[in-house]
PDB file of N, CA and C in Angstrom:
ATOM      1  N   MET A   1     -11.715  32.650 -19.730  1.00  0.00           N
ATOM      2  CA  MET A   1     -10.190  32.163 -20.185  1.00  0.00           C
ATOM      3  C   MET A   1      -9.341  33.095 -19.521  1.00  0.00           C
ATOM      4  N   GLU A   2      -9.639  34.278 -19.078  1.00  0.00           N
ATOM      5  CA  GLU A   2      -8.544  35.055 -18.413  1.00  0.00           C
ATOM      6  C   GLU A   2      -8.350  34.542 -16.974  1.00  0.00           C
ATOM      7  N   SER A   3      -9.202  33.933 -16.301  1.00  0.00           N
ATOM      8  CA  SER A   3      -9.012  33.304 -14.912  1.00  0.00           C
ATOM      9  C   SER A   3      -8.048  32.050 -15.066  1.00  0.00           C
ATOM     10  N   ILE A   4      -8.219  31.324 -16.072  1.00  0.00           N
ATOM     11  CA  ILE A   4      -7.069  30.366 -16.306  1.00  0.00           C
ATOM     12  C   ILE A   4      -5.818  30.828 -16.169  1.00  0.00           C
ATOM     13  N   TYR A   5      -5.514  31.774 -16.990  1.00  0.00           N
ATOM     14  CA  TYR A   5      -4.031  32.579 -16.938  1.00  0.00           C
ATOM     15  C   TYR A   5      -3.605  32.967 -15.660  1.00  0.00           C
ATOM     16  N   ILE A   6      -4.510  33.569 -15.027  1.00  0.00           N
ATOM     17  CA  ILE A   6      -4.319  34.114 -13.666  1.00  0.00           C
ATOM     18  C   ILE A   6      -3.814  32.965 -12.680  1.00  0.00           C
ATOM     19  N   ILE A   7      -4.477  31.667 -12.727  1.00  0.00           N
ATOM     20  CA  ILE A   7      -4.319  30.793 -11.835  1.00  0.00           C
ATOM     21  C   ILE A   7      -3.117  30.231 -12.573  1.00  0.00           C
ATOM     22  N   LEU A   8      -2.831  30.063 -13.689  1.00  0.00           N
ATOM     23  CA  LEU A   8      -1.399  29.296 -14.181  1.00  0.00           C
ATOM     24  C   LEU A   8      -0.166  30.249 -13.534  1.00  0.00           C
ATOM     25  N   LEU A   9      -0.504  31.826 -13.578  1.00  0.00           N
ATOM     26  CA  LEU A   9       0.564  32.569 -13.002  1.00  0.00           C
ATOM     27  C   LEU A   9       0.701  32.455 -11.461  1.00  0.00           C
ATOM     28  N   LEU A  10      -0.475  32.153 -10.783  1.00  0.00           N
ATOM     29  CA  LEU A  10      -0.372  31.969  -9.584  1.00  0.00           C
ATOM     30  C   LEU A  10       0.331  30.647  -8.830  1.00  0.00           C
ATOM     31  N   ILE A  11       0.130  29.821  -9.632  1.00  0.00           N
ATOM     32  CA  ILE A  11       0.746  28.366  -9.213  1.00  0.00           C
ATOM     33  C   ILE A  11       2.081  28.603  -9.059  1.00  0.00           C
ATOM     34  N   PRO A  12       2.861  28.964  -9.843  1.00  0.00           N
ATOM     35  CA  PRO A  12       4.311  29.029  -9.670  1.00  0.00           C
ATOM     36  C   PRO A  12       4.792  30.001  -8.296  1.00  0.00           C
ATOM     37  N   THR A  13       3.920  30.922  -8.128  1.00  0.00           N
ATOM     38  CA  THR A  13       4.188  32.023  -6.974  1.00  0.00           C
ATOM     39  C   THR A  13       3.997  31.169  -5.623  1.00  0.00           C
ATOM     40  N   PHE A  14       2.769  30.516  -5.533  1.00  0.00           N
ATOM     41  CA  PHE A  14       2.482  29.729  -4.512  1.00  0.00           C
ATOM     42  C   PHE A  14       3.625  28.764  -4.095  1.00  0.00           C
ATOM     43  N   ILE A  15       4.085  28.010  -5.248  1.00  0.00           N
ATOM     44  CA  ILE A  15       5.175  26.903  -5.027  1.00  0.00           C
ATOM     45  C   ILE A  15       6.312  27.619  -4.492  1.00  0.00           C
ATOM     46  N   VAL A  16       6.791  28.909  -4.980  1.00  0.00           N
ATOM     47  CA  VAL A  16       7.973  29.446  -4.636  1.00  0.00           C
ATOM     48  C   VAL A  16       7.850  29.906  -2.956  1.00  0.00           C
ATOM     49  N   TYR A  17       6.468  30.358  -2.805  1.00  0.00           N
ATOM     50  CA  TYR A  17       6.215  30.780  -1.342  1.00  0.00           C
ATOM     51  C   TYR A  17       6.330  29.641  -0.563  1.00  0.00           C
ATOM     52  N   GLY A  18       5.574  28.438  -1.016  1.00  0.00           N
ATOM     53  CA  GLY A  18       5.764  27.077  -0.045  1.00  0.00           C
ATOM     54  C   GLY A  18       7.047  26.816   0.147  1.00  0.00           C
ATOM     55  N   LEU A  19       8.041  26.864  -0.864  1.00  0.00           N
ATOM     56  CA  LEU A  19       9.451  26.475  -0.750  1.00  0.00           C
ATOM     57  C   LEU A  19      10.332  27.355   0.266  1.00  0.00           C
ATOM     58  N   GLY A  20       9.958  28.805   0.231  1.00  0.00           N
ATOM     59  CA  GLY A  20      10.546  29.540   0.990  1.00  0.00           C
ATOM     60  C   GLY A  20      10.044  29.285   2.425  1.00  0.00           C
ATOM     61  N   ILE A  21       8.843  29.107   2.594  1.00  0.00           N
ATOM     62  CA  ILE A  21       8.296  28.791   4.030  1.00  0.00           C
ATOM     63  C   ILE A  21       8.957  27.506   4.563  1.00  0.00           C
ATOM     64  N   ALA A  22       9.048  26.501   3.836  1.00  0.00           N
ATOM     65  CA  ALA A  22       9.399  25.230   4.332  1.00  0.00           C
ATOM     66  C   ALA A  22      11.196  25.379   4.445  1.00  0.00           C
ATOM     67  N   LEU A  23      11.826  26.165   3.717  1.00  0.00           N
ATOM     68  CA  LEU A  23      13.312  26.493   4.113  1.00  0.00           C
ATOM     69  C   LEU A  23      13.456  27.342   5.318  1.00  0.00           C
ATOM     70  N   ALA A  24      12.563  28.296   5.450  1.00  0.00           N
ATOM     71  CA  ALA A  24      12.561  29.057   6.883  1.00  0.00           C
ATOM     72  C   ALA A  24      12.321  28.236   8.052  1.00  0.00           C
ATOM     73  N   ILE A  25      11.265  27.450   8.055  1.00  0.00           N
ATOM     74  CA  ILE A  25      11.136  26.432   9.140  1.00  0.00           C
ATOM     75  C   ILE A  25      12.188  25.486   9.367  1.00  0.00           C
ATOM     76  N   LEU A  26      12.738  25.008   8.171  1.00  0.00           N
ATOM     77  CA  LEU A  26      14.095  24.170   8.346  1.00  0.00           C
ATOM     78  C   LEU A  26      15.392  24.718   9.052  1.00  0.00           C
ATOM     79  N   ALA A  27      15.422  26.077   8.661  1.00  0.00           N
ATOM     80  CA  ALA A  27      16.495  26.751   9.092  1.00  0.00           C
ATOM     81  C   ALA A  27      16.357  27.097  10.600  1.00  0.00           C
ATOM     82  N   VAL A  28      15.055  27.526  11.136  1.00  0.00           N
ATOM     83  CA  VAL A  28      14.700  27.647  12.393  1.00  0.00           C
ATOM     84  C   VAL A  28      14.911  26.410  13.376  1.00  0.00           C
ATOM     85  N   LYS A  29      14.474  25.406  12.841  1.00  0.00           N
ATOM     86  CA  LYS A  29      14.779  24.148  13.507  1.00  0.00           C
ATOM     87  C   LYS A  29      16.238  23.713  13.659  1.00  0.00           C
ATOM     88  N   CYS A  30      16.886  23.935  12.604  1.00  0.00           N
ATOM     89  CA  CYS A  30      18.573  23.708  12.550  1.00  0.00           C
ATOM     90  C   CYS A  30      19.260  24.413  13.683  1.00  0.00           C
ATOM     91  N   MET A  31      18.649  25.852  13.562  1.00  0.00           N
ATOM     92  CA  MET A  31      19.262  27.103  14.522  1.00  0.00           C
ATOM     93  C   MET A  31      18.776  26.465  16.143  1.00  0.00           C
ATOM     94  N   LEU A  32      17.731  26.221  16.150  1.00  0.00           N
ATOM     95  CA  LEU A  32      17.310  25.680  17.687  1.00  0.00           C
ATOM     96  C   LEU A  32      18.035  24.587  18.058  1.00  0.00           C
ATOM     97  N   LYS A  33      18.257  23.681  17.219  1.00  0.00           N
ATOM     98  CA  LYS A  33      19.067  22.383  17.408  1.00  0.00           C
ATOM     99  C   LYS A  33      20.517  22.824  17.851  1.00  0.00           C
ATOM    100  N   TYR A  34      20.910  23.678  16.880  1.00  0.00           N
ATOM    101  CA  TYR A  34      22.358  24.042  17.252  1.00  0.00           C
ATOM    102  C   TYR A  34      22.560  24.730  18.484  1.00  0.00           C
ATOM    103  N   LEU A  35      21.625  25.584  18.802  1.00  0.00           N
ATOM    104  CA  LEU A  35      21.601  26.359  20.263  1.00  0.00           C
ATOM    105  C   LEU A  35      21.561  25.491  21.205  1.00  0.00           C
ATOM    106  N   ARG A  36      20.625  24.272  21.271  1.00  0.00           N
ATOM    107  CA  ARG A  36      20.571  23.415  22.259  1.00  0.00           C
ATOM    108  C   ARG A  36      21.674  22.712  22.309  1.00  0.00           C
ATOM    109  N   GLU A  37      22.436  22.286  21.311  1.00  0.00           N
ATOM    110  CA  GLU A  37      23.881  21.528  21.312  1.00  0.00           C
ATOM    111  C   GLU A  37      24.923  22.549  22.070  1.00  0.00           C
ATOM    112  N   ASP A  38      24.936  23.597  21.948  1.00  0.00           N
ATOM    113  CA  ASP A  38      25.945  24.592  22.281  1.00  0.00           C
ATOM    114  C   ASP A  38      25.674  24.517  23.778  1.00  0.00           C
ATOM    115  N   LYS A  39      24.365  24.758  24.285  1.00  0.00           N
ATOM    116  CA  LYS A  39      24.033  24.672  25.608  1.00  0.00           C
ATOM    117  C   LYS A  39      24.351  23.462  26.688  1.00  0.00           C
ATOM    118  N   ASN A  40      24.269  22.319  25.855  1.00  0.00           N
ATOM    119  CA  ASN A  40      24.676  20.948  26.547  1.00  0.00           C
ATOM    120  C   ASN A  40      26.200  21.124  26.728  1.00  0.00           C
ATOM    121  N   HIS A  41      26.972  21.521  25.790  1.00  0.00           N
ATOM    122  CA  HIS A  41      28.441  21.356  25.782  1.00  0.00           C
ATOM    123  C   HIS A  41      28.985  22.539  26.559  1.00  0.00           C
TER     124      HIS A  41
END
């Protein structure tokens, strides 16, 4: 029974980490795009 509670506690943390990683990747992509546009102009 204890393992079920551990899994239920881990699921939200994995979701939060996943969202954080996704936001970081999007931020990096936007930064690179912005830097490329600055170089062109």
